[in-house]
Amino acid sequence: MALTPKTRLAVLVSGKGRGTNLQAILDACAEDRIAAEVVLVVGTRSKAPAMERARVAGVPAVEVVSPQGMGSQEAADGRILQLLRDNRVDLVVLAGFMRLLGPQVLEAYRWRVMNTHPALLPSFGGPGFYGHYVHEAVLEAGAKVSGCTVHFINEEYDRGPIILQTPVSVEEDDTPETLAARILPQEHASYLRAIQLFAEGRLRVVDGKRVRVLPPSP
């Protein structure tokens, strides 16, 4: 029986992120825990921690693309799309990528761009809700449950169809740091699960709003 080709991943990262989501994906690929391989990492700063992780792991293509360096958002998106096509990318994974992708990328990769968010969307999402700001807002609201969400992206921050959600209880003595520390492992696991579901062809977007997870093939 012929082996199923691995899903070719591109990971887009921020300039300052620690790169823990990227590292979790790299490790899972290396250990064959998901049927995927990271063929491209794109970031906005060459010396960002995530970019160094990619180089150490031997990712074939590690590229710097920023709107400032390219002269405009549109030019940066055009370069990203060119890189995705040149590297025959099947799925784009955002790992702390802090800006919206433009229409040329979204149209070419519709429902093939994933993101993870450290709360249960649609709550505590949208512009300005990232990192510790999310956990601060959860605690200030007195929420008893938080968690993480993996979703496909669309033209709005944190509004794309939800793939998976994992709840995490909020403890009475939680700080943003302790809550974040408990959510992060669940975020990694959920992201890997979503990538594997995509690799197995088990995700279907219905009406641009909902994601149906199909049963495994017999």
N, C-alpha and C. Protein backbone atom coordinates (compact mmCIF):
# COMPACT_ATOMS: atom_id res chain seq x y z
N MET A 1 0.84 -1.19 0.00
CA MET A 1 0.00 0.00 0.00
C MET A 1 0.89 1.26 0.00
N ALA A 2 0.57 2.21 -0.88
CA ALA A 2 1.36 3.44 -0.96
C ALA A 2 1.09 4.32 0.25
N LEU A 3 2.15 4.96 0.72
CA LEU A 3 2.01 5.87 1.84
C LEU A 3 1.32 7.15 1.39
N THR A 4 0.43 7.68 2.24
CA THR A 4 -0.23 8.94 1.94
C THR A 4 0.78 10.07 2.10
N PRO A 5 0.91 10.97 1.11
CA PRO A 5 1.86 12.08 1.25
C PRO A 5 1.53 12.94 2.47
N LYS A 6 2.57 13.43 3.12
CA LYS A 6 2.36 14.28 4.27
C LYS A 6 1.84 15.65 3.84
N THR A 7 1.00 16.23 4.70
CA THR A 7 0.51 17.59 4.45
C THR A 7 1.67 18.57 4.61
N ARG A 8 1.84 19.42 3.62
CA ARG A 8 2.93 20.38 3.61
C ARG A 8 2.47 21.66 4.31
N LEU A 9 3.14 21.99 5.40
CA LEU A 9 2.74 23.11 6.25
C LEU A 9 3.63 24.32 6.05
N ALA A 10 3.01 25.50 6.07
CA ALA A 10 3.73 26.75 6.25
C ALA A 10 3.29 27.32 7.58
N VAL A 11 4.23 27.79 8.39
CA VAL A 11 3.91 28.39 9.68
C VAL A 11 4.31 29.87 9.62
N LEU A 12 3.35 30.74 9.91
CA LEU A 12 3.59 32.18 9.93
C LEU A 12 3.70 32.63 11.38
N VAL A 13 4.78 33.34 11.71
CA VAL A 13 5.06 33.69 13.10
C VAL A 13 5.23 35.20 13.23
N SER A 14 5.18 35.66 14.49
CA SER A 14 5.33 37.08 14.77
C SER A 14 6.80 37.42 14.98
N GLY A 15 7.05 38.70 15.17
CA GLY A 15 8.42 39.14 15.37
C GLY A 15 8.98 38.87 16.74
N LYS A 16 8.12 38.75 17.76
CA LYS A 16 8.60 38.66 19.13
C LYS A 16 8.16 37.40 19.87
N GLY A 17 7.33 36.58 19.25
CA GLY A 17 6.81 35.41 19.95
C GLY A 17 7.89 34.41 20.32
N ARG A 18 7.62 33.63 21.37
CA ARG A 18 8.58 32.62 21.82
C ARG A 18 8.69 31.44 20.88
N GLY A 19 7.65 31.21 20.09
CA GLY A 19 7.69 30.12 19.13
C GLY A 19 7.31 28.77 19.71
N THR A 20 6.56 28.75 20.82
CA THR A 20 6.24 27.45 21.44
C THR A 20 5.25 26.65 20.59
N ASN A 21 4.29 27.31 19.96
CA ASN A 21 3.38 26.58 19.08
C ASN A 21 4.14 26.00 17.89
N LEU A 22 5.03 26.78 17.31
CA LEU A 22 5.85 26.27 16.22
C LEU A 22 6.66 25.07 16.67
N GLN A 23 7.27 25.15 17.85
CA GLN A 23 8.09 24.04 18.34
C GLN A 23 7.26 22.79 18.55
N ALA A 24 6.06 22.96 19.08
CA ALA A 24 5.18 21.80 19.26
C ALA A 24 4.85 21.13 17.93
N ILE A 25 4.65 21.94 16.90
CA ILE A 25 4.35 21.40 15.58
C ILE A 25 5.58 20.71 15.00
N LEU A 26 6.74 21.35 15.11
CA LEU A 26 7.98 20.75 14.61
C LEU A 26 8.26 19.41 15.28
N ASP A 27 8.08 19.36 16.59
CA ASP A 27 8.32 18.12 17.33
C ASP A 27 7.36 17.02 16.90
N ALA A 28 6.08 17.37 16.75
CA ALA A 28 5.08 16.38 16.36
C ALA A 28 5.36 15.84 14.95
N CYS A 29 5.78 16.71 14.06
CA CYS A 29 6.14 16.27 12.70
C CYS A 29 7.34 15.34 12.75
N ALA A 30 8.36 15.71 13.50
CA ALA A 30 9.59 14.92 13.57
C ALA A 30 9.33 13.54 14.17
N GLU A 31 8.37 13.46 15.09
CA GLU A 31 8.07 12.20 15.77
C GLU A 31 6.94 11.43 15.10
N ASP A 32 6.48 11.93 13.93
CA ASP A 32 5.40 11.28 13.17
C ASP A 32 4.11 11.15 13.97
N ARG A 33 3.87 12.10 14.87
CA ARG A 33 2.60 12.12 15.59
C ARG A 33 1.50 12.78 14.78
N ILE A 34 1.86 13.54 13.77
CA ILE A 34 0.91 14.07 12.80
C ILE A 34 1.46 13.82 11.41
N ALA A 35 0.56 13.64 10.45
CA ALA A 35 0.97 13.34 9.07
C ALA A 35 1.24 14.63 8.32
N ALA A 36 2.27 15.35 8.76
CA ALA A 36 2.57 16.65 8.19
C ALA A 36 4.07 16.92 8.28
N GLU A 37 4.51 17.91 7.52
CA GLU A 37 5.89 18.37 7.58
C GLU A 37 5.90 19.88 7.37
N VAL A 38 6.74 20.58 8.14
CA VAL A 38 6.87 22.02 8.00
C VAL A 38 7.90 22.28 6.90
N VAL A 39 7.43 22.86 5.80
CA VAL A 39 8.32 23.13 4.66
C VAL A 39 8.68 24.60 4.54
N LEU A 40 7.97 25.46 5.29
CA LEU A 40 8.19 26.91 5.18
C LEU A 40 7.81 27.58 6.49
N VAL A 41 8.67 28.46 6.97
CA VAL A 41 8.34 29.34 8.09
C VAL A 41 8.58 30.77 7.63
N VAL A 42 7.58 31.62 7.82
CA VAL A 42 7.68 33.03 7.44
C VAL A 42 7.49 33.88 8.69
N GLY A 43 8.41 34.80 8.92
CA GLY A 43 8.32 35.70 10.05
C GLY A 43 8.66 37.12 9.64
N THR A 44 8.48 38.05 10.57
CA THR A 44 8.72 39.45 10.27
C THR A 44 10.10 39.93 10.71
N ARG A 45 10.80 39.12 11.54
CA ARG A 45 12.14 39.49 12.00
C ARG A 45 13.05 38.27 11.95
N SER A 46 14.21 38.43 11.36
CA SER A 46 15.13 37.30 11.21
C SER A 46 15.58 36.72 12.54
N LYS A 47 15.74 37.59 13.56
CA LYS A 47 16.29 37.13 14.84
C LYS A 47 15.22 36.74 15.86
N ALA A 48 13.97 36.65 15.43
CA ALA A 48 12.90 36.24 16.34
C ALA A 48 13.14 34.82 16.84
N PRO A 49 12.76 34.51 18.09
CA PRO A 49 12.97 33.16 18.63
C PRO A 49 12.38 32.06 17.75
N ALA A 50 11.19 32.31 17.19
CA ALA A 50 10.57 31.29 16.36
C ALA A 50 11.38 31.01 15.11
N MET A 51 11.98 32.03 14.55
CA MET A 51 12.79 31.84 13.34
C MET A 51 14.03 31.00 13.66
N GLU A 52 14.61 31.23 14.81
CA GLU A 52 15.76 30.44 15.22
C GLU A 52 15.36 28.98 15.44
N ARG A 53 14.19 28.76 16.03
CA ARG A 53 13.71 27.38 16.20
C ARG A 53 13.58 26.68 14.84
N ALA A 54 13.07 27.42 13.86
CA ALA A 54 12.89 26.84 12.52
C ALA A 54 14.23 26.46 11.91
N ARG A 55 15.23 27.34 12.07
CA ARG A 55 16.55 27.05 11.50
C ARG A 55 17.19 25.84 12.17
N VAL A 56 17.08 25.78 13.50
CA VAL A 56 17.65 24.65 14.24
C VAL A 56 17.01 23.34 13.80
N ALA A 57 15.71 23.38 13.52
CA ALA A 57 14.99 22.17 13.11
C ALA A 57 15.25 21.79 11.66
N GLY A 58 15.92 22.66 10.92
CA GLY A 58 16.23 22.34 9.53
C GLY A 58 15.07 22.52 8.58
N VAL A 59 14.15 23.45 8.89
CA VAL A 59 13.05 23.73 7.98
C VAL A 59 13.63 24.18 6.63
N PRO A 60 13.16 23.61 5.51
CA PRO A 60 13.77 23.91 4.22
C PRO A 60 13.78 25.38 3.82
N ALA A 61 12.71 26.11 4.14
CA ALA A 61 12.62 27.52 3.76
C ALA A 61 12.23 28.35 4.98
N VAL A 62 13.10 29.28 5.36
CA VAL A 62 12.83 30.21 6.46
C VAL A 62 13.00 31.61 5.90
N GLU A 63 11.90 32.35 5.80
CA GLU A 63 11.90 33.61 5.07
C GLU A 63 11.39 34.76 5.95
N VAL A 64 11.97 35.93 5.75
CA VAL A 64 11.52 37.15 6.43
C VAL A 64 10.69 37.98 5.45
N VAL A 65 9.47 38.30 5.85
CA VAL A 65 8.58 39.14 5.04
C VAL A 65 7.88 40.09 5.99
N SER A 66 8.01 41.39 5.76
CA SER A 66 7.30 42.37 6.59
C SER A 66 6.77 43.48 5.71
N PRO A 67 5.61 44.06 6.07
CA PRO A 67 5.09 45.18 5.30
C PRO A 67 6.08 46.34 5.21
N GLN A 68 6.82 46.58 6.29
CA GLN A 68 7.79 47.67 6.28
C GLN A 68 8.90 47.40 5.27
N GLY A 69 9.40 46.19 5.29
CA GLY A 69 10.48 45.84 4.38
C GLY A 69 10.04 45.77 2.93
N MET A 70 8.77 45.38 2.71
CA MET A 70 8.27 45.25 1.35
C MET A 70 7.67 46.54 0.82
N GLY A 71 7.45 47.52 1.71
CA GLY A 71 6.91 48.79 1.28
C GLY A 71 5.42 48.94 1.44
N SER A 72 4.69 47.82 1.58
CA SER A 72 3.23 47.90 1.77
C SER A 72 2.72 46.54 2.23
N GLN A 73 1.51 46.57 2.81
CA GLN A 73 0.83 45.33 3.21
C GLN A 73 0.55 44.46 1.99
N GLU A 74 0.10 45.07 0.92
CA GLU A 74 -0.24 44.31 -0.29
C GLU A 74 0.98 43.61 -0.86
N ALA A 75 2.12 44.30 -0.88
CA ALA A 75 3.33 43.69 -1.40
C ALA A 75 3.79 42.52 -0.53
N ALA A 76 3.67 42.68 0.80
CA ALA A 76 4.03 41.61 1.72
C ALA A 76 3.14 40.39 1.51
N ASP A 77 1.84 40.61 1.36
CA ASP A 77 0.93 39.50 1.12
C ASP A 77 1.25 38.81 -0.21
N GLY A 78 1.60 39.60 -1.22
CA GLY A 78 1.98 39.01 -2.50
C GLY A 78 3.20 38.13 -2.39
N ARG A 79 4.18 38.56 -1.61
CA ARG A 79 5.38 37.76 -1.40
C ARG A 79 5.06 36.49 -0.62
N ILE A 80 4.22 36.60 0.40
CA ILE A 80 3.82 35.40 1.15
C ILE A 80 3.13 34.40 0.24
N LEU A 81 2.22 34.88 -0.60
CA LEU A 81 1.51 33.98 -1.51
C LEU A 81 2.49 33.30 -2.47
N GLN A 82 3.46 34.05 -2.97
CA GLN A 82 4.46 33.47 -3.85
C GLN A 82 5.23 32.36 -3.14
N LEU A 83 5.62 32.60 -1.88
CA LEU A 83 6.35 31.59 -1.12
C LEU A 83 5.49 30.34 -0.88
N LEU A 84 4.22 30.55 -0.58
CA LEU A 84 3.33 29.41 -0.36
C LEU A 84 3.24 28.55 -1.61
N ARG A 85 3.11 29.20 -2.75
CA ARG A 85 3.00 28.46 -4.00
C ARG A 85 4.32 27.80 -4.38
N ASP A 86 5.42 28.53 -4.22
CA ASP A 86 6.73 27.97 -4.57
C ASP A 86 7.06 26.72 -3.75
N ASN A 87 6.57 26.70 -2.50
CA ASN A 87 6.85 25.57 -1.61
C ASN A 87 5.72 24.55 -1.56
N ARG A 88 4.75 24.70 -2.46
CA ARG A 88 3.65 23.75 -2.61
C ARG A 88 2.95 23.47 -1.27
N VAL A 89 2.62 24.54 -0.58
CA VAL A 89 2.02 24.44 0.76
C VAL A 89 0.57 24.01 0.66
N ASP A 90 0.19 23.05 1.50
CA ASP A 90 -1.20 22.59 1.58
C ASP A 90 -2.00 23.35 2.63
N LEU A 91 -1.36 23.63 3.76
CA LEU A 91 -2.05 24.24 4.91
C LEU A 91 -1.15 25.29 5.53
N VAL A 92 -1.74 26.47 5.80
CA VAL A 92 -1.02 27.56 6.46
C VAL A 92 -1.45 27.59 7.92
N VAL A 93 -0.48 27.64 8.81
CA VAL A 93 -0.74 27.64 10.25
C VAL A 93 -0.17 28.92 10.85
N LEU A 94 -1.02 29.70 11.51
CA LEU A 94 -0.57 30.93 12.15
C LEU A 94 -0.17 30.61 13.59
N ALA A 95 1.02 31.07 13.98
CA ALA A 95 1.53 30.82 15.33
C ALA A 95 1.99 32.14 15.92
N GLY A 96 1.03 32.92 16.42
CA GLY A 96 1.35 34.23 16.95
C GLY A 96 1.49 35.28 15.88
N PHE A 97 0.98 35.02 14.70
CA PHE A 97 1.03 35.99 13.60
C PHE A 97 0.03 37.10 13.90
N MET A 98 0.50 38.34 13.96
CA MET A 98 -0.27 39.41 14.59
C MET A 98 -1.01 40.32 13.63
N ARG A 99 -1.15 39.93 12.38
CA ARG A 99 -1.90 40.79 11.46
C ARG A 99 -2.81 39.96 10.58
N LEU A 100 -3.79 40.63 10.00
CA LEU A 100 -4.70 39.95 9.08
C LEU A 100 -4.00 39.70 7.75
N LEU A 101 -4.21 38.53 7.19
CA LEU A 101 -3.75 38.27 5.85
C LEU A 101 -4.69 38.94 4.85
N GLY A 102 -4.12 39.40 3.75
CA GLY A 102 -4.92 40.10 2.75
C GLY A 102 -5.74 39.17 1.88
N PRO A 103 -6.61 39.75 1.06
CA PRO A 103 -7.54 38.95 0.24
C PRO A 103 -6.86 38.02 -0.75
N GLN A 104 -5.69 38.41 -1.27
CA GLN A 104 -5.06 37.53 -2.26
C GLN A 104 -4.63 36.20 -1.64
N VAL A 105 -4.17 36.24 -0.38
CA VAL A 105 -3.80 34.99 0.29
C VAL A 105 -5.05 34.23 0.71
N LEU A 106 -6.02 34.93 1.29
CA LEU A 106 -7.23 34.26 1.77
C LEU A 106 -8.01 33.61 0.64
N GLU A 107 -8.07 34.26 -0.50
CA GLU A 107 -8.81 33.68 -1.62
C GLU A 107 -8.10 32.45 -2.17
N ALA A 108 -6.77 32.51 -2.25
CA ALA A 108 -6.02 31.38 -2.78
C ALA A 108 -6.02 30.19 -1.81
N TYR A 109 -6.10 30.49 -0.52
CA TYR A 109 -6.03 29.44 0.51
C TYR A 109 -7.28 29.43 1.39
N ARG A 110 -8.42 29.65 0.77
CA ARG A 110 -9.68 29.67 1.53
C ARG A 110 -9.88 28.37 2.29
N TRP A 111 -10.11 28.48 3.59
CA TRP A 111 -10.29 27.36 4.51
C TRP A 111 -9.07 26.44 4.54
N ARG A 112 -7.92 27.03 4.26
CA ARG A 112 -6.66 26.31 4.42
C ARG A 112 -5.66 27.15 5.23
N VAL A 113 -6.19 28.05 6.04
CA VAL A 113 -5.37 28.84 6.97
C VAL A 113 -5.98 28.70 8.36
N MET A 114 -5.20 28.19 9.31
CA MET A 114 -5.65 27.97 10.68
C MET A 114 -4.98 28.94 11.64
N ASN A 115 -5.69 29.19 12.74
CA ASN A 115 -5.12 29.99 13.82
C ASN A 115 -5.55 29.38 15.15
N THR A 116 -4.80 29.69 16.19
CA THR A 116 -5.19 29.27 17.54
C THR A 116 -5.33 30.51 18.41
N HIS A 117 -6.27 30.45 19.36
CA HIS A 117 -6.55 31.59 20.23
C HIS A 117 -6.70 31.09 21.66
N PRO A 118 -6.10 31.77 22.65
CA PRO A 118 -6.10 31.27 24.03
C PRO A 118 -7.35 31.64 24.83
N ALA A 119 -8.51 31.43 24.24
CA ALA A 119 -9.80 31.62 24.93
C ALA A 119 -10.85 30.90 24.11
N LEU A 120 -12.07 30.84 24.65
CA LEU A 120 -13.16 30.18 23.95
C LEU A 120 -13.91 31.21 23.11
N LEU A 121 -13.55 31.30 21.84
CA LEU A 121 -14.23 32.23 20.94
C LEU A 121 -15.70 31.84 20.80
N PRO A 122 -16.59 32.83 20.54
CA PRO A 122 -16.31 34.22 20.18
C PRO A 122 -16.03 35.15 21.35
N SER A 123 -16.00 34.65 22.57
CA SER A 123 -15.67 35.51 23.71
C SER A 123 -14.18 35.82 23.74
N PHE A 124 -13.86 37.01 24.19
CA PHE A 124 -12.46 37.42 24.42
C PHE A 124 -11.60 37.28 23.16
N GLY A 125 -12.15 37.72 22.04
CA GLY A 125 -11.43 37.70 20.78
C GLY A 125 -11.57 39.03 20.07
N GLY A 126 -10.85 39.16 18.96
CA GLY A 126 -10.91 40.38 18.16
C GLY A 126 -9.66 41.22 18.34
N PRO A 127 -9.64 42.40 17.72
CA PRO A 127 -8.46 43.28 17.79
C PRO A 127 -8.08 43.60 19.24
N GLY A 128 -6.82 43.49 19.56
CA GLY A 128 -6.32 43.79 20.89
C GLY A 128 -6.35 42.63 21.86
N PHE A 129 -7.03 41.55 21.51
CA PHE A 129 -7.11 40.38 22.39
C PHE A 129 -6.07 39.35 21.96
N TYR A 130 -4.90 39.45 22.56
CA TYR A 130 -3.84 38.49 22.30
C TYR A 130 -2.96 38.39 23.55
N GLY A 131 -2.29 37.23 23.66
CA GLY A 131 -1.37 37.04 24.78
C GLY A 131 -2.02 37.28 26.13
N HIS A 132 -1.29 37.99 27.00
CA HIS A 132 -1.76 38.17 28.38
C HIS A 132 -3.01 39.04 28.45
N TYR A 133 -3.27 39.85 27.40
CA TYR A 133 -4.48 40.67 27.39
C TYR A 133 -5.74 39.81 27.42
N VAL A 134 -5.68 38.65 26.77
CA VAL A 134 -6.82 37.74 26.78
C VAL A 134 -7.08 37.23 28.19
N HIS A 135 -6.04 36.75 28.85
CA HIS A 135 -6.22 36.16 30.17
C HIS A 135 -6.60 37.22 31.21
N GLU A 136 -6.07 38.42 31.08
CA GLU A 136 -6.49 39.51 31.97
C GLU A 136 -7.97 39.79 31.82
N ALA A 137 -8.46 39.80 30.57
CA ALA A 137 -9.87 40.07 30.34
C ALA A 137 -10.76 38.96 30.89
N VAL A 138 -10.32 37.72 30.75
CA VAL A 138 -11.08 36.58 31.29
C VAL A 138 -11.23 36.72 32.80
N LEU A 139 -10.13 37.02 33.48
CA LEU A 139 -10.17 37.12 34.94
C LEU A 139 -10.98 38.33 35.38
N GLU A 140 -10.85 39.43 34.67
CA GLU A 140 -11.60 40.64 35.04
C GLU A 140 -13.10 40.43 34.88
N ALA A 141 -13.48 39.60 33.89
CA ALA A 141 -14.89 39.33 33.66
C ALA A 141 -15.47 38.34 34.66
N GLY A 142 -14.61 37.69 35.44
CA GLY A 142 -15.08 36.71 36.41
C GLY A 142 -15.50 35.40 35.78
N ALA A 143 -15.01 35.11 34.60
CA ALA A 143 -15.37 33.86 33.93
C ALA A 143 -14.88 32.66 34.72
N LYS A 144 -15.66 31.61 34.73
CA LYS A 144 -15.30 30.38 35.44
C LYS A 144 -14.60 29.37 34.54
N VAL A 145 -14.73 29.56 33.23
CA VAL A 145 -14.12 28.66 32.27
C VAL A 145 -13.48 29.47 31.16
N SER A 146 -12.26 29.12 30.81
CA SER A 146 -11.62 29.67 29.63
C SER A 146 -11.18 28.49 28.78
N GLY A 147 -10.08 28.62 28.05
CA GLY A 147 -9.64 27.51 27.24
C GLY A 147 -8.94 27.98 25.99
N CYS A 148 -9.09 27.22 24.92
CA CYS A 148 -8.46 27.59 23.66
C CYS A 148 -9.35 27.18 22.49
N THR A 149 -9.13 27.86 21.39
CA THR A 149 -9.91 27.63 20.18
C THR A 149 -8.97 27.53 18.99
N VAL A 150 -9.20 26.54 18.13
CA VAL A 150 -8.53 26.48 16.83
C VAL A 150 -9.60 26.75 15.77
N HIS A 151 -9.30 27.66 14.86
CA HIS A 151 -10.30 28.03 13.86
C HIS A 151 -9.64 28.33 12.52
N PHE A 152 -10.43 28.21 11.46
CA PHE A 152 -10.00 28.73 10.17
C PHE A 152 -10.14 30.24 10.20
N ILE A 153 -9.31 30.93 9.45
CA ILE A 153 -9.42 32.39 9.48
C ILE A 153 -10.20 32.90 8.27
N ASN A 154 -10.81 34.06 8.49
CA ASN A 154 -11.47 34.78 7.41
C ASN A 154 -10.99 36.23 7.44
N GLU A 155 -11.80 37.16 6.96
CA GLU A 155 -11.37 38.54 6.86
C GLU A 155 -11.48 39.32 8.16
N GLU A 156 -11.95 38.71 9.25
CA GLU A 156 -12.10 39.39 10.53
C GLU A 156 -11.26 38.67 11.59
N TYR A 157 -10.70 39.46 12.52
CA TYR A 157 -9.93 38.87 13.61
C TYR A 157 -10.80 37.91 14.43
N ASP A 158 -10.37 36.66 14.55
CA ASP A 158 -10.96 35.68 15.47
C ASP A 158 -12.42 35.38 15.18
N ARG A 159 -12.85 35.53 13.92
CA ARG A 159 -14.25 35.30 13.57
C ARG A 159 -14.45 34.15 12.59
N GLY A 160 -13.38 33.45 12.24
CA GLY A 160 -13.52 32.36 11.29
C GLY A 160 -14.16 31.13 11.90
N PRO A 161 -14.57 30.17 11.07
CA PRO A 161 -15.25 28.96 11.54
C PRO A 161 -14.40 28.18 12.53
N ILE A 162 -15.02 27.79 13.63
CA ILE A 162 -14.33 27.10 14.73
C ILE A 162 -14.17 25.62 14.40
N ILE A 163 -12.93 25.13 14.57
CA ILE A 163 -12.62 23.73 14.32
C ILE A 163 -12.72 22.92 15.61
N LEU A 164 -11.99 23.35 16.64
CA LEU A 164 -11.95 22.65 17.92
C LEU A 164 -11.91 23.66 19.06
N GLN A 165 -12.47 23.29 20.20
CA GLN A 165 -12.34 24.08 21.42
C GLN A 165 -12.08 23.15 22.59
N THR A 166 -11.21 23.61 23.49
CA THR A 166 -10.88 22.83 24.69
C THR A 166 -11.06 23.72 25.90
N PRO A 167 -11.98 23.37 26.83
CA PRO A 167 -12.19 24.20 28.02
C PRO A 167 -11.12 23.97 29.08
N VAL A 168 -10.82 25.02 29.82
CA VAL A 168 -9.90 24.97 30.95
C VAL A 168 -10.54 25.76 32.09
N SER A 169 -10.67 25.15 33.26
CA SER A 169 -11.30 25.82 34.39
C SER A 169 -10.44 26.99 34.87
N VAL A 170 -11.12 28.05 35.29
CA VAL A 170 -10.45 29.19 35.90
C VAL A 170 -10.48 28.99 37.42
N GLU A 171 -9.31 28.99 38.04
CA GLU A 171 -9.22 28.78 39.48
C GLU A 171 -9.37 30.11 40.22
N GLU A 172 -9.79 30.02 41.49
CA GLU A 172 -10.06 31.22 42.26
C GLU A 172 -8.82 32.10 42.44
N ASP A 173 -7.65 31.48 42.52
CA ASP A 173 -6.43 32.25 42.76
C ASP A 173 -5.61 32.46 41.48
N ASP A 174 -6.23 32.27 40.32
CA ASP A 174 -5.49 32.41 39.07
C ASP A 174 -5.01 33.83 38.84
N THR A 175 -3.85 33.93 38.24
CA THR A 175 -3.34 35.17 37.67
C THR A 175 -3.30 34.96 36.15
N PRO A 176 -3.12 36.02 35.38
CA PRO A 176 -2.98 35.81 33.93
C PRO A 176 -1.87 34.81 33.60
N GLU A 177 -0.82 34.82 34.38
CA GLU A 177 0.31 33.92 34.11
C GLU A 177 -0.02 32.46 34.41
N THR A 178 -0.70 32.21 35.53
CA THR A 178 -1.02 30.82 35.87
C THR A 178 -2.08 30.26 34.93
N LEU A 179 -3.04 31.10 34.56
CA LEU A 179 -4.07 30.65 33.62
C LEU A 179 -3.44 30.35 32.26
N ALA A 180 -2.57 31.23 31.81
CA ALA A 180 -1.89 31.01 30.54
C ALA A 180 -1.09 29.72 30.55
N ALA A 181 -0.42 29.44 31.67
CA ALA A 181 0.42 28.25 31.76
C ALA A 181 -0.41 26.97 31.66
N ARG A 182 -1.65 26.98 32.18
CA ARG A 182 -2.50 25.79 32.08
C ARG A 182 -3.14 25.66 30.71
N ILE A 183 -3.39 26.78 30.05
CA ILE A 183 -4.03 26.73 28.74
C ILE A 183 -3.04 26.33 27.66
N LEU A 184 -1.78 26.74 27.78
CA LEU A 184 -0.82 26.53 26.70
C LEU A 184 -0.68 25.07 26.28
N PRO A 185 -0.53 24.09 27.18
CA PRO A 185 -0.43 22.70 26.73
C PRO A 185 -1.68 22.24 25.97
N GLN A 186 -2.84 22.72 26.41
CA GLN A 186 -4.08 22.37 25.70
C GLN A 186 -4.12 22.99 24.31
N GLU A 187 -3.56 24.21 24.22
CA GLU A 187 -3.48 24.88 22.93
C GLU A 187 -2.61 24.08 21.96
N HIS A 188 -1.47 23.65 22.43
CA HIS A 188 -0.59 22.84 21.59
C HIS A 188 -1.30 21.56 21.13
N ALA A 189 -1.91 20.86 22.06
CA ALA A 189 -2.57 19.59 21.73
C ALA A 189 -3.73 19.80 20.75
N SER A 190 -4.50 20.85 20.96
CA SER A 190 -5.64 21.12 20.09
C SER A 190 -5.19 21.47 18.68
N TYR A 191 -4.12 22.26 18.60
CA TYR A 191 -3.60 22.64 17.29
C TYR A 191 -3.13 21.41 16.52
N LEU A 192 -2.40 20.54 17.20
CA LEU A 192 -1.93 19.32 16.54
C LEU A 192 -3.09 18.44 16.09
N ARG A 193 -4.10 18.37 16.92
CA ARG A 193 -5.29 17.58 16.56
C ARG A 193 -5.97 18.16 15.32
N ALA A 194 -6.09 19.48 15.25
CA ALA A 194 -6.74 20.12 14.10
C ALA A 194 -5.93 19.90 12.83
N ILE A 195 -4.61 20.00 12.94
CA ILE A 195 -3.75 19.76 11.77
C ILE A 195 -3.91 18.32 11.28
N GLN A 196 -3.96 17.37 12.21
CA GLN A 196 -4.12 15.98 11.82
C GLN A 196 -5.48 15.73 11.16
N LEU A 197 -6.52 16.35 11.68
CA LEU A 197 -7.84 16.22 11.06
C LEU A 197 -7.81 16.75 9.63
N PHE A 198 -7.14 17.87 9.42
CA PHE A 198 -7.00 18.41 8.07
C PHE A 198 -6.23 17.42 7.19
N ALA A 199 -5.13 16.89 7.71
CA ALA A 199 -4.32 15.95 6.94
C ALA A 199 -5.12 14.71 6.54
N GLU A 200 -6.06 14.33 7.38
CA GLU A 200 -6.90 13.16 7.10
C GLU A 200 -8.09 13.50 6.22
N GLY A 201 -8.23 14.77 5.84
CA GLY A 201 -9.35 15.19 4.99
C GLY A 201 -10.69 15.17 5.69
N ARG A 202 -10.68 15.42 7.01
CA ARG A 202 -11.90 15.25 7.80
C ARG A 202 -12.57 16.57 8.21
N LEU A 203 -12.12 17.69 7.64
CA LEU A 203 -12.72 18.98 7.99
C LEU A 203 -13.50 19.54 6.80
N ARG A 204 -14.75 19.90 7.04
CA ARG A 204 -15.59 20.50 6.01
C ARG A 204 -16.22 21.77 6.57
N VAL A 205 -16.07 22.87 5.86
CA VAL A 205 -16.69 24.14 6.27
C VAL A 205 -18.07 24.22 5.64
N VAL A 206 -19.08 24.45 6.48
CA VAL A 206 -20.47 24.49 6.04
C VAL A 206 -20.94 25.94 6.06
N ASP A 207 -21.38 26.44 4.91
CA ASP A 207 -21.93 27.79 4.80
C ASP A 207 -20.96 28.88 5.28
N GLY A 208 -19.69 28.58 5.27
CA GLY A 208 -18.70 29.57 5.68
C GLY A 208 -18.74 29.91 7.16
N LYS A 209 -19.50 29.13 7.96
CA LYS A 209 -19.69 29.48 9.36
C LYS A 209 -19.34 28.35 10.33
N ARG A 210 -19.60 27.12 9.94
CA ARG A 210 -19.40 26.00 10.85
C ARG A 210 -18.45 24.99 10.23
N VAL A 211 -17.73 24.29 11.09
CA VAL A 211 -16.84 23.23 10.62
C VAL A 211 -17.41 21.89 11.06
N ARG A 212 -17.60 21.03 10.10
CA ARG A 212 -18.03 19.67 10.40
C ARG A 212 -16.81 18.77 10.42
N VAL A 213 -16.65 18.01 11.51
CA VAL A 213 -15.57 17.04 11.61
C VAL A 213 -16.11 15.69 11.17
N LEU A 214 -15.62 15.18 10.06
CA LEU A 214 -16.11 13.94 9.50
C LEU A 214 -15.51 12.75 10.25
N PRO A 215 -16.23 11.63 10.25
CA PRO A 215 -15.68 10.42 10.89
C PRO A 215 -14.49 9.89 10.11
N PRO A 216 -13.66 9.09 10.77
CA PRO A 216 -12.50 8.50 10.06
C PRO A 216 -12.94 7.63 8.91
N SER A 217 -12.11 7.55 7.90
CA SER A 217 -12.40 6.67 6.77
C SER A 217 -12.32 5.22 7.24
N PRO A 218 -13.20 4.37 6.74
CA PRO A 218 -13.17 2.97 7.16
C PRO A 218 -11.88 2.28 6.74
